[in-house]
Amino acid sequence: MRRILVAITAAFVLVIGAVPAAHGAGHAPLPTATSALPLVGLCGSSYNHAGHYPIEASGTTIGYMDVYFSWHTRRNCLVTSHGGPAYGIRAYTEARIRPSGSSWPSCPSSPGCDGDFYSFYAGPVYTPMGVDMTGRCIDITAAVEWTSQAHSGVHCG
């Protein structure tokens, strides 16, 4: 029954392209945050899923980094979500994205970084507006419970 509810909720979010409510009290729970399935619809309806990376602490997956790309806006998006034993636990959570070779955006005061004490996810965060990311690589970094993971030169369009 839970799988059916998760599938229906995920489909609903995908169809309407819902964007989550403002960051408060650790964000609302996400339907797929406890599984290895990518989160849908968080970046907007024109964004397609491009990559899914686990964040591990001592061999246990505690979160995920999900990368999206929009051919309409030509921008990338990143969401960091809690998973496994970290799901629903209020902890420092961060999502940060940049075009490869650029400076890291300041956190949390830019569209490229979101970091605070959340219970479910950080982001969505985006590459800079006006920068065409078609054919360009991105660097991403994320943290859940102060455990960080980074990937450089990925999704080179």
Protein backbone atom coordinates (compact mmCIF):
# COMPACT_ATOMS: atom_id res chain seq x y z
CA MET A 1 0.00 0.00 0.00
CA ARG A 2 2.84 2.40 0.86
CA ARG A 3 4.48 1.83 -2.55
CA ILE A 4 1.23 2.63 -4.31
CA LEU A 5 0.81 5.85 -2.31
CA VAL A 6 4.42 6.86 -3.04
CA ALA A 7 3.95 6.16 -6.77
CA ILE A 8 0.70 8.14 -6.92
CA THR A 9 2.21 11.08 -5.03
CA ALA A 10 5.34 11.10 -7.19
CA ALA A 11 3.24 10.98 -10.38
CA PHE A 12 1.07 13.85 -9.12
CA VAL A 13 4.14 15.98 -8.38
CA LEU A 14 5.62 15.17 -11.80
CA VAL A 15 2.40 16.05 -13.63
CA ILE A 16 1.77 19.37 -11.93
CA GLY A 17 5.46 20.30 -11.68
CA ALA A 18 5.03 21.33 -8.08
CA VAL A 19 7.72 23.28 -6.35
CA PRO A 20 7.96 22.79 -2.58
CA ALA A 21 6.85 25.41 -0.08
CA ALA A 22 9.36 27.86 1.37
CA HIS A 23 12.16 26.51 3.54
CA GLY A 24 10.85 26.23 7.02
CA ALA A 25 10.98 23.67 9.78
CA GLY A 26 13.14 21.40 7.65
CA HIS A 27 10.86 21.31 4.58
CA ALA A 28 7.91 19.03 4.07
CA PRO A 29 8.56 15.29 3.74
CA LEU A 30 9.16 13.99 0.24
CA PRO A 31 7.50 10.87 -1.13
CA THR A 32 10.68 9.20 -2.42
CA ALA A 33 13.32 10.46 0.00
CA THR A 34 13.70 7.10 1.75
CA SER A 35 14.44 5.18 -1.44
CA ALA A 36 17.03 5.29 -4.17
CA LEU A 37 14.45 6.79 -6.53
CA PRO A 38 15.20 10.33 -7.70
CA LEU A 39 12.97 13.13 -6.46
CA VAL A 40 10.70 14.47 -9.18
CA GLY A 41 9.33 17.92 -9.80
CA LEU A 42 11.36 19.82 -7.21
CA CYS A 43 13.27 21.96 -9.71
CA GLY A 44 10.26 22.74 -11.90
CA SER A 45 8.30 21.08 -14.64
CA SER A 46 10.88 21.70 -17.41
CA TYR A 47 13.68 19.88 -15.55
CA ASN A 48 14.60 16.27 -16.35
CA HIS A 49 16.53 13.98 -14.04
CA ALA A 50 20.19 13.68 -15.07
CA GLY A 51 22.04 12.05 -12.15
CA HIS A 52 21.59 10.35 -8.78
CA TYR A 53 24.45 10.05 -6.26
CA PRO A 54 24.40 8.50 -2.77
CA ILE A 55 25.90 10.24 0.26
CA GLU A 56 27.40 7.63 2.57
CA ALA A 57 28.65 7.70 6.16
CA SER A 58 30.43 4.61 7.47
CA GLY A 59 29.03 2.48 4.65
CA THR A 60 25.41 3.57 5.23
CA THR A 61 23.55 5.74 2.74
CA ILE A 62 22.24 8.79 4.60
CA GLY A 63 21.22 10.92 1.63
CA TYR A 64 21.25 11.54 -2.08
CA MET A 65 22.26 14.23 -4.56
CA ASP A 66 19.91 14.49 -7.53
CA VAL A 67 20.92 16.55 -10.57
CA TYR A 68 18.43 17.85 -13.13
CA PHE A 69 18.74 19.76 -16.43
CA SER A 70 16.25 21.92 -18.32
CA TRP A 71 16.56 22.36 -22.08
CA HIS A 72 14.13 25.27 -21.73
CA THR A 73 16.21 27.30 -19.24
CA ARG A 74 19.55 25.63 -20.11
CA ARG A 75 20.33 25.43 -16.39
CA ASN A 76 21.18 22.61 -13.99
CA CYS A 77 19.52 22.06 -10.64
CA LEU A 78 20.55 20.09 -7.54
CA VAL A 79 18.56 18.74 -4.60
CA THR A 80 20.14 17.05 -1.57
CA SER A 81 17.74 14.73 0.25
CA HIS A 82 17.94 12.77 3.47
CA GLY A 83 17.66 8.98 3.23
CA GLY A 84 17.95 5.87 5.36
CA PRO A 85 18.55 6.60 9.06
CA ALA A 86 18.85 10.37 8.37
CA TYR A 87 15.35 10.65 6.88
CA GLY A 88 13.27 13.02 8.99
CA ILE A 89 16.18 13.85 11.31
CA ARG A 90 16.90 17.57 11.64
CA ALA A 91 20.54 17.98 10.68
CA TYR A 92 22.79 20.30 8.72
CA THR A 93 21.96 19.74 5.06
CA GLU A 94 23.52 21.50 2.10
CA ALA A 95 23.22 21.55 -1.70
CA ARG A 96 25.74 23.53 -3.75
CA ILE A 97 26.20 23.69 -7.54
CA ARG A 98 28.41 25.65 -9.95
CA PRO A 99 29.60 25.59 -13.55
CA SER A 100 32.98 23.81 -13.49
CA GLY A 101 35.81 26.30 -13.08
CA SER A 102 33.62 28.98 -11.47
CA SER A 103 33.77 30.10 -7.84
CA TRP A 104 31.56 28.28 -5.36
CA PRO A 105 28.42 30.28 -4.58
CA SER A 106 28.02 31.74 -1.10
CA CYS A 107 25.70 29.85 1.18
CA PRO A 108 22.84 30.31 1.80
CA SER A 109 22.56 33.72 0.10
CA SER A 110 22.65 32.66 -3.57
CA PRO A 111 20.57 30.58 -5.98
CA GLY A 112 23.51 28.12 -6.18
CA CYS A 113 23.59 27.16 -2.50
CA ASP A 114 21.17 26.20 0.23
CA GLY A 115 22.43 25.12 3.62
CA ASP A 116 20.67 24.99 6.98
CA PHE A 117 19.26 22.55 9.51
CA TYR A 118 16.60 20.60 7.62
CA SER A 119 14.81 17.30 8.21
CA PHE A 120 14.23 16.20 4.64
CA TYR A 121 16.14 18.11 1.93
CA ALA A 122 18.13 21.18 0.87
CA GLY A 123 17.53 22.95 -2.40
CA PRO A 124 16.61 23.12 -5.12
CA VAL A 125 19.66 25.15 -6.15
CA TYR A 126 20.53 26.24 -9.67
CA THR A 127 23.46 27.17 -11.89
CA PRO A 128 23.54 30.94 -12.54
CA MET A 129 20.76 32.51 -14.58
CA GLY A 130 21.96 33.65 -17.98
CA VAL A 131 24.77 31.05 -18.15
CA ASP A 132 23.98 28.52 -20.89
CA MET A 133 25.00 25.15 -19.42
CA THR A 134 24.55 23.27 -22.71
CA GLY A 135 27.79 21.35 -23.22
CA ARG A 136 29.30 22.63 -19.96
CA CYS A 137 30.27 20.56 -16.92
CA ILE A 138 29.11 21.17 -13.37
CA ASP A 139 30.59 20.64 -9.93
CA ILE A 140 28.28 19.61 -7.09
CA THR A 141 28.72 19.17 -3.39
CA ALA A 142 26.27 18.15 -0.71
CA ALA A 143 26.14 17.43 2.99
CA VAL A 144 23.78 15.53 5.27
CA GLU A 145 24.56 15.39 9.00
CA TRP A 146 27.90 17.10 8.24
CA THR A 147 28.95 14.22 5.96
CA SER A 148 29.81 15.69 2.59
CA GLN A 149 30.13 14.28 -0.91
CA ALA A 150 31.42 16.09 -4.00
CA HIS A 151 31.63 15.42 -7.74
CA SER A 152 33.58 17.59 -10.18
CA GLY A 153 33.28 17.87 -13.94
CA VAL A 154 30.02 15.90 -14.25
CA HIS A 155 27.06 16.14 -16.63
CA CYS A 156 29.03 17.79 -19.39
CA GLY A 157 25.99 18.07 -21.65
